[in-house]
Amino acid sequence: MIAMPIYVLEPPARYNHPYSGPVIERVLPLHEARAACARMGVRADACSWVIKNKCYLVIPRGGPVKDLSAYRRHERAHCNGWTHDHGKPEQSPLSPDAERQR
């Protein structure tokens, strides 16, 4: 059986930049990251949200994607206002390493 690679969806360039406010990042073991995201109403390995102009990121360690920077780019883009609806033209290609996020 051939293992299929898993990717994180690369955000569009207009959202792929540093967040303008404080960023609070937690890198957690995969099961803890999933639980933290579930508490925020998201069924995913990684997630993000903004409260009072602070960007909160939950990034999994030991998850299916080894490149944590791919998770960071994706989740930070959500703090910058990106939403990805599958099938919309704004969707960017996948970056190496699943779109199992927010």
C-alpha atoms as a PDB file:
ATOM      1  CA  MET A   1       0.000   0.000   0.000  1.00  0.00           C
ATOM      2  CA  ILE A   2       1.357   3.417  -0.966  1.00  0.00           C
ATOM      3  CA  ALA A   3       1.145   6.116   1.692  1.00  0.00           C
ATOM      4  CA  MET A   4      -0.321   9.346   0.398  1.00  0.00           C
ATOM      5  CA  PRO A   5       1.444  12.537   1.455  1.00  0.00           C
ATOM      6  CA  ILE A   6      -0.446  14.886   3.716  1.00  0.00           C
ATOM      7  CA  TYR A   7      -0.465  18.620   3.055  1.00  0.00           C
ATOM      8  CA  VAL A   8      -1.388  21.883   4.718  1.00  0.00           C
ATOM      9  CA  LEU A   9      -3.313  24.257   2.490  1.00  0.00           C
ATOM     10  CA  GLU A  10      -1.039  27.194   1.627  1.00  0.00           C
ATOM     11  CA  PRO A  11      -2.845  30.511   2.184  1.00  0.00           C
ATOM     12  CA  PRO A  12      -3.210  33.146  -0.529  1.00  0.00           C
ATOM     13  CA  ALA A  13      -0.326  35.644  -0.584  1.00  0.00           C
ATOM     14  CA  ARG A  14      -2.509  38.531   0.568  1.00  0.00           C
ATOM     15  CA  TYR A  15      -3.092  36.766   3.919  1.00  0.00           C
ATOM     16  CA  ASN A  16       0.376  35.221   4.249  1.00  0.00           C
ATOM     17  CA  HIS A  17       2.134  37.920   6.284  1.00  0.00           C
ATOM     18  CA  PRO A  18       2.882  38.625   9.949  1.00  0.00           C
ATOM     19  CA  TYR A  19      -0.110  39.393  12.136  1.00  0.00           C
ATOM     20  CA  SER A  20      -0.289  43.070  13.128  1.00  0.00           C
ATOM     21  CA  GLY A  21      -0.922  42.384  16.808  1.00  0.00           C
ATOM     22  CA  PRO A  22       0.298  40.003  19.482  1.00  0.00           C
ATOM     23  CA  VAL A  23       0.464  36.302  18.607  1.00  0.00           C
ATOM     24  CA  ILE A  24       0.077  33.677  21.310  1.00  0.00           C
ATOM     25  CA  GLU A  25       1.186  30.293  20.026  1.00  0.00           C
ATOM     26  CA  ARG A  26       0.908  26.931  21.721  1.00  0.00           C
ATOM     27  CA  VAL A  27       2.679  23.907  20.262  1.00  0.00           C
ATOM     28  CA  LEU A  28       1.035  20.872  21.821  1.00  0.00           C
ATOM     29  CA  PRO A  29       1.131  17.110  21.365  1.00  0.00           C
ATOM     30  CA  LEU A  30      -1.325  16.142  18.633  1.00  0.00           C
ATOM     31  CA  HIS A  31      -4.019  14.795  20.978  1.00  0.00           C
ATOM     32  CA  GLU A  32      -3.868  17.973  23.107  1.00  0.00           C
ATOM     33  CA  ALA A  33      -3.967  20.241  20.040  1.00  0.00           C
ATOM     34  CA  ARG A  34      -7.036  18.409  18.744  1.00  0.00           C
ATOM     35  CA  ALA A  35      -8.716  18.731  22.155  1.00  0.00           C
ATOM     36  CA  ALA A  36      -7.912  22.463  22.361  1.00  0.00           C
ATOM     37  CA  CYS A  37      -9.302  23.038  18.871  1.00  0.00           C
ATOM     38  CA  ALA A  38     -12.406  20.995  19.713  1.00  0.00           C
ATOM     39  CA  ARG A  39     -13.017  23.281  22.698  1.00  0.00           C
ATOM     40  CA  MET A  40     -13.029  26.173  20.212  1.00  0.00           C
ATOM     41  CA  GLY A  41     -15.568  24.324  18.050  1.00  0.00           C
ATOM     42  CA  VAL A  42     -13.081  23.196  15.401  1.00  0.00           C
ATOM     43  CA  ARG A  43     -12.485  19.569  14.471  1.00  0.00           C
ATOM     44  CA  ALA A  44      -8.881  19.841  13.293  1.00  0.00           C
ATOM     45  CA  ASP A  45      -5.247  19.204  14.164  1.00  0.00           C
ATOM     46  CA  ALA A  46      -4.471  22.948  14.263  1.00  0.00           C
ATOM     47  CA  CYS A  47      -6.612  26.029  14.712  1.00  0.00           C
ATOM     48  CA  SER A  48      -6.559  29.754  15.359  1.00  0.00           C
ATOM     49  CA  TRP A  49      -8.788  32.564  16.538  1.00  0.00           C
ATOM     50  CA  VAL A  50      -8.619  36.265  17.335  1.00  0.00           C
ATOM     51  CA  ILE A  51      -9.802  37.773  20.620  1.00  0.00           C
ATOM     52  CA  LYS A  52      -9.251  41.456  21.431  1.00  0.00           C
ATOM     53  CA  ASN A  53      -6.796  41.836  18.541  1.00  0.00           C
ATOM     54  CA  LYS A  54      -4.648  38.910  19.762  1.00  0.00           C
ATOM     55  CA  CYS A  55      -4.041  36.002  17.401  1.00  0.00           C
ATOM     56  CA  TYR A  56      -4.096  32.618  19.151  1.00  0.00           C
ATOM     57  CA  LEU A  57      -2.510  29.651  17.356  1.00  0.00           C
ATOM     58  CA  VAL A  58      -2.656  25.985  18.323  1.00  0.00           C
ATOM     59  CA  ILE A  59      -0.066  23.939  16.440  1.00  0.00           C
ATOM     60  CA  PRO A  60       0.306  20.147  16.778  1.00  0.00           C
ATOM     61  CA  ARG A  61       3.605  18.460  17.537  1.00  0.00           C
ATOM     62  CA  GLY A  62       3.865  14.896  16.312  1.00  0.00           C
ATOM     63  CA  GLY A  63       0.974  15.266  13.892  1.00  0.00           C
ATOM     64  CA  PRO A  64       0.664  14.084  10.319  1.00  0.00           C
ATOM     65  CA  VAL A  65       2.476  17.167   8.986  1.00  0.00           C
ATOM     66  CA  LYS A  66       6.045  17.501  10.241  1.00  0.00           C
ATOM     67  CA  ASP A  67       6.606  21.073   8.963  1.00  0.00           C
ATOM     68  CA  LEU A  68       5.280  23.230  11.820  1.00  0.00           C
ATOM     69  CA  SER A  69       5.912  26.385   9.776  1.00  0.00           C
ATOM     70  CA  ALA A  70       3.250  25.207   7.288  1.00  0.00           C
ATOM     71  CA  TYR A  71       0.728  25.072  10.149  1.00  0.00           C
ATOM     72  CA  ARG A  72       1.892  28.514  11.357  1.00  0.00           C
ATOM     73  CA  ARG A  73       1.453  30.133   7.932  1.00  0.00           C
ATOM     74  CA  HIS A  74      -1.975  28.585   7.493  1.00  0.00           C
ATOM     75  CA  GLU A  75      -3.297  29.487  10.928  1.00  0.00           C
ATOM     76  CA  ARG A  76      -1.751  32.978  10.984  1.00  0.00           C
ATOM     77  CA  ALA A  77      -3.496  33.643   7.662  1.00  0.00           C
ATOM     78  CA  HIS A  78      -6.807  32.919   9.406  1.00  0.00           C
ATOM     79  CA  CYS A  79      -5.938  35.576  11.989  1.00  0.00           C
ATOM     80  CA  ASN A  80      -5.290  37.909   9.043  1.00  0.00           C
ATOM     81  CA  GLY A  81      -8.853  37.337   7.825  1.00  0.00           C
ATOM     82  CA  TRP A  82      -8.546  34.351   5.488  1.00  0.00           C
ATOM     83  CA  THR A  83     -11.399  31.889   5.291  1.00  0.00           C
ATOM     84  CA  HIS A  84     -11.206  28.997   2.900  1.00  0.00           C
ATOM     85  CA  ASP A  85     -14.349  27.595   1.439  1.00  0.00           C
ATOM     86  CA  HIS A  86     -13.612  24.542  -0.618  1.00  0.00           C
ATOM     87  CA  GLY A  87     -14.198  25.099  -4.295  1.00  0.00           C
ATOM     88  CA  LYS A  88     -13.767  28.884  -4.186  1.00  0.00           C
ATOM     89  CA  PRO A  89     -11.305  30.358  -6.693  1.00  0.00           C
ATOM     90  CA  GLU A  90      -9.209  32.043  -3.967  1.00  0.00           C
ATOM     91  CA  GLN A  91      -8.031  28.681  -2.683  1.00  0.00           C
ATOM     92  CA  SER A  92      -4.256  28.287  -3.043  1.00  0.00           C
ATOM     93  CA  PRO A  93      -2.400  25.071  -3.822  1.00  0.00           C
ATOM     94  CA  LEU A  94      -1.396  22.714  -1.088  1.00  0.00           C
ATOM     95  CA  SER A  95       2.037  23.095   0.441  1.00  0.00           C
ATOM     96  CA  PRO A  96       4.009  19.957   1.221  1.00  0.00           C
ATOM     97  CA  ASP A  97       3.115  18.170   4.311  1.00  0.00           C
ATOM     98  CA  ALA A  98      -3.346  17.947   5.051  1.00  0.00           C
ATOM     99  CA  GLU A  99      -5.498  20.218   5.248  1.00  0.00           C
ATOM    100  CA  ARG A 100      -6.709  19.137   8.680  1.00  0.00           C
ATOM    101  CA  GLN A 101      -7.180  22.564  10.049  1.00  0.00           C
ATOM    102  CA  ARG A 102      -9.708  25.156  10.739  1.00  0.00           C
END
